[in-house]
N, C-alpha and C. Protein backbone atom coordinates (compact mmCIF):
# COMPACT_ATOMS: atom_id res chain seq x y z
N MET A 1 109.29 70.48 81.04
CA MET A 1 108.84 71.21 82.23
C MET A 1 108.13 72.49 81.81
N GLY A 2 108.71 73.21 80.86
CA GLY A 2 108.10 74.46 80.40
C GLY A 2 106.71 74.23 79.84
N GLN A 3 106.57 73.16 79.06
CA GLN A 3 105.27 72.86 78.45
C GLN A 3 104.22 72.62 79.53
N GLN A 4 104.60 71.86 80.54
CA GLN A 4 103.64 71.53 81.59
C GLN A 4 103.19 72.78 82.33
N SER A 5 104.14 73.66 82.66
CA SER A 5 103.78 74.87 83.40
C SER A 5 102.89 75.76 82.54
N ASN A 6 103.15 75.79 81.22
CA ASN A 6 102.31 76.59 80.32
C ASN A 6 100.88 76.08 80.34
N LYS A 7 100.72 74.75 80.35
CA LYS A 7 99.39 74.16 80.39
C LYS A 7 98.67 74.62 81.66
N ILE A 8 99.37 74.58 82.78
CA ILE A 8 98.78 74.97 84.06
C ILE A 8 98.35 76.43 84.02
N GLU A 9 99.25 77.27 83.49
CA GLU A 9 98.92 78.71 83.41
C GLU A 9 97.69 78.92 82.54
N LYS A 10 97.65 78.24 81.42
CA LYS A 10 96.51 78.36 80.51
C LYS A 10 95.23 77.99 81.24
N ARG A 11 95.28 76.88 81.97
CA ARG A 11 94.09 76.40 82.68
C ARG A 11 93.63 77.45 83.69
N ARG A 12 94.60 78.03 84.43
CA ARG A 12 94.25 79.03 85.45
C ARG A 12 93.62 80.24 84.80
N ARG A 13 94.24 80.70 83.69
CA ARG A 13 93.72 81.88 83.00
C ARG A 13 92.31 81.61 82.51
N ARG A 14 92.10 80.43 81.93
CA ARG A 14 90.78 80.08 81.39
C ARG A 14 89.76 80.02 82.52
N ALA A 15 90.14 79.44 83.65
CA ALA A 15 89.22 79.33 84.79
C ALA A 15 88.80 80.72 85.26
N ALA A 16 89.77 81.63 85.36
CA ALA A 16 89.48 83.00 85.80
C ALA A 16 88.55 83.68 84.80
N TYR A 17 88.82 83.46 83.51
CA TYR A 17 88.00 84.06 82.46
C TYR A 17 86.57 83.56 82.54
N LEU A 18 86.41 82.25 82.73
CA LEU A 18 85.07 81.67 82.82
C LEU A 18 84.33 82.23 84.04
N GLU A 19 85.06 82.40 85.14
CA GLU A 19 84.44 82.95 86.35
C GLU A 19 83.88 84.34 86.06
N ARG A 20 84.68 85.15 85.36
CA ARG A 20 84.24 86.51 85.03
C ARG A 20 82.99 86.46 84.17
N LEU A 21 82.98 85.55 83.19
CA LEU A 21 81.82 85.43 82.31
C LEU A 21 80.58 85.07 83.13
N LYS A 22 80.73 84.13 84.04
CA LYS A 22 79.60 83.70 84.88
C LYS A 22 79.04 84.87 85.67
N THR A 23 79.92 85.64 86.31
CA THR A 23 79.45 86.75 87.13
C THR A 23 78.74 87.78 86.26
N ARG A 24 79.29 88.06 85.07
CA ARG A 24 78.66 89.02 84.17
C ARG A 24 77.29 88.53 83.74
N ALA A 25 77.19 87.25 83.40
CA ALA A 25 75.92 86.67 82.96
C ALA A 25 74.88 86.79 84.08
N LYS A 26 75.30 86.51 85.31
CA LYS A 26 74.39 86.61 86.46
C LYS A 26 73.87 88.03 86.59
N GLU A 27 74.79 89.00 86.54
CA GLU A 27 74.39 90.40 86.68
C GLU A 27 73.40 90.78 85.59
N ALA A 28 73.68 90.37 84.36
CA ALA A 28 72.82 90.70 83.23
C ALA A 28 71.43 90.09 83.42
N ALA A 29 71.38 88.86 83.92
CA ALA A 29 70.10 88.18 84.10
C ALA A 29 69.29 88.82 85.23
N VAL A 30 69.98 89.23 86.29
CA VAL A 30 69.29 89.80 87.46
C VAL A 30 68.74 91.18 87.15
N LYS A 31 69.60 92.05 86.56
CA LYS A 31 69.15 93.43 86.32
C LYS A 31 69.64 93.95 84.97
N PRO A 32 68.86 93.73 83.90
CA PRO A 32 69.26 94.18 82.57
C PRO A 32 69.28 95.70 82.44
N LYS A 33 68.38 96.39 83.13
CA LYS A 33 68.34 97.86 83.07
C LYS A 33 69.59 98.45 83.72
N ALA A 34 70.00 97.91 84.83
CA ALA A 34 71.15 98.43 85.56
C ALA A 34 72.42 98.28 84.72
N ARG A 35 72.46 97.24 83.91
CA ARG A 35 73.65 97.00 83.10
C ARG A 35 73.87 98.16 82.13
N ARG A 36 72.79 98.64 81.52
CA ARG A 36 72.91 99.76 80.58
C ARG A 36 73.44 101.00 81.29
N VAL A 37 72.95 101.21 82.49
CA VAL A 37 73.38 102.39 83.27
C VAL A 37 74.88 102.28 83.55
N LYS A 38 75.31 101.09 83.92
CA LYS A 38 76.73 100.86 84.21
C LYS A 38 77.59 101.21 83.00
N LYS A 39 77.16 100.76 81.83
CA LYS A 39 77.94 101.00 80.60
C LYS A 39 78.15 102.50 80.41
N THR A 40 77.09 103.29 80.53
CA THR A 40 77.19 104.73 80.33
C THR A 40 78.07 105.34 81.42
N ALA A 41 77.96 104.84 82.62
CA ALA A 41 78.74 105.38 83.73
C ALA A 41 80.23 105.11 83.54
N THR A 42 80.56 103.89 83.11
CA THR A 42 81.98 103.55 82.92
C THR A 42 82.56 104.29 81.72
N ALA A 43 81.72 104.54 80.70
CA ALA A 43 82.21 105.22 79.50
C ALA A 43 82.54 106.68 79.80
N SER A 44 81.73 107.32 80.64
CA SER A 44 81.93 108.76 80.91
C SER A 44 82.98 109.03 81.96
């Protein structure tokens, strides 16, 4: 039972991670200049 639930958790985590990657890729493709501004803003 533990093994099965771990598999499910892994799958969910991976799905969420992939979603984040997709959204980041979209943002980068749409506005590359804005991305640089964001980086400096979040750093400061």
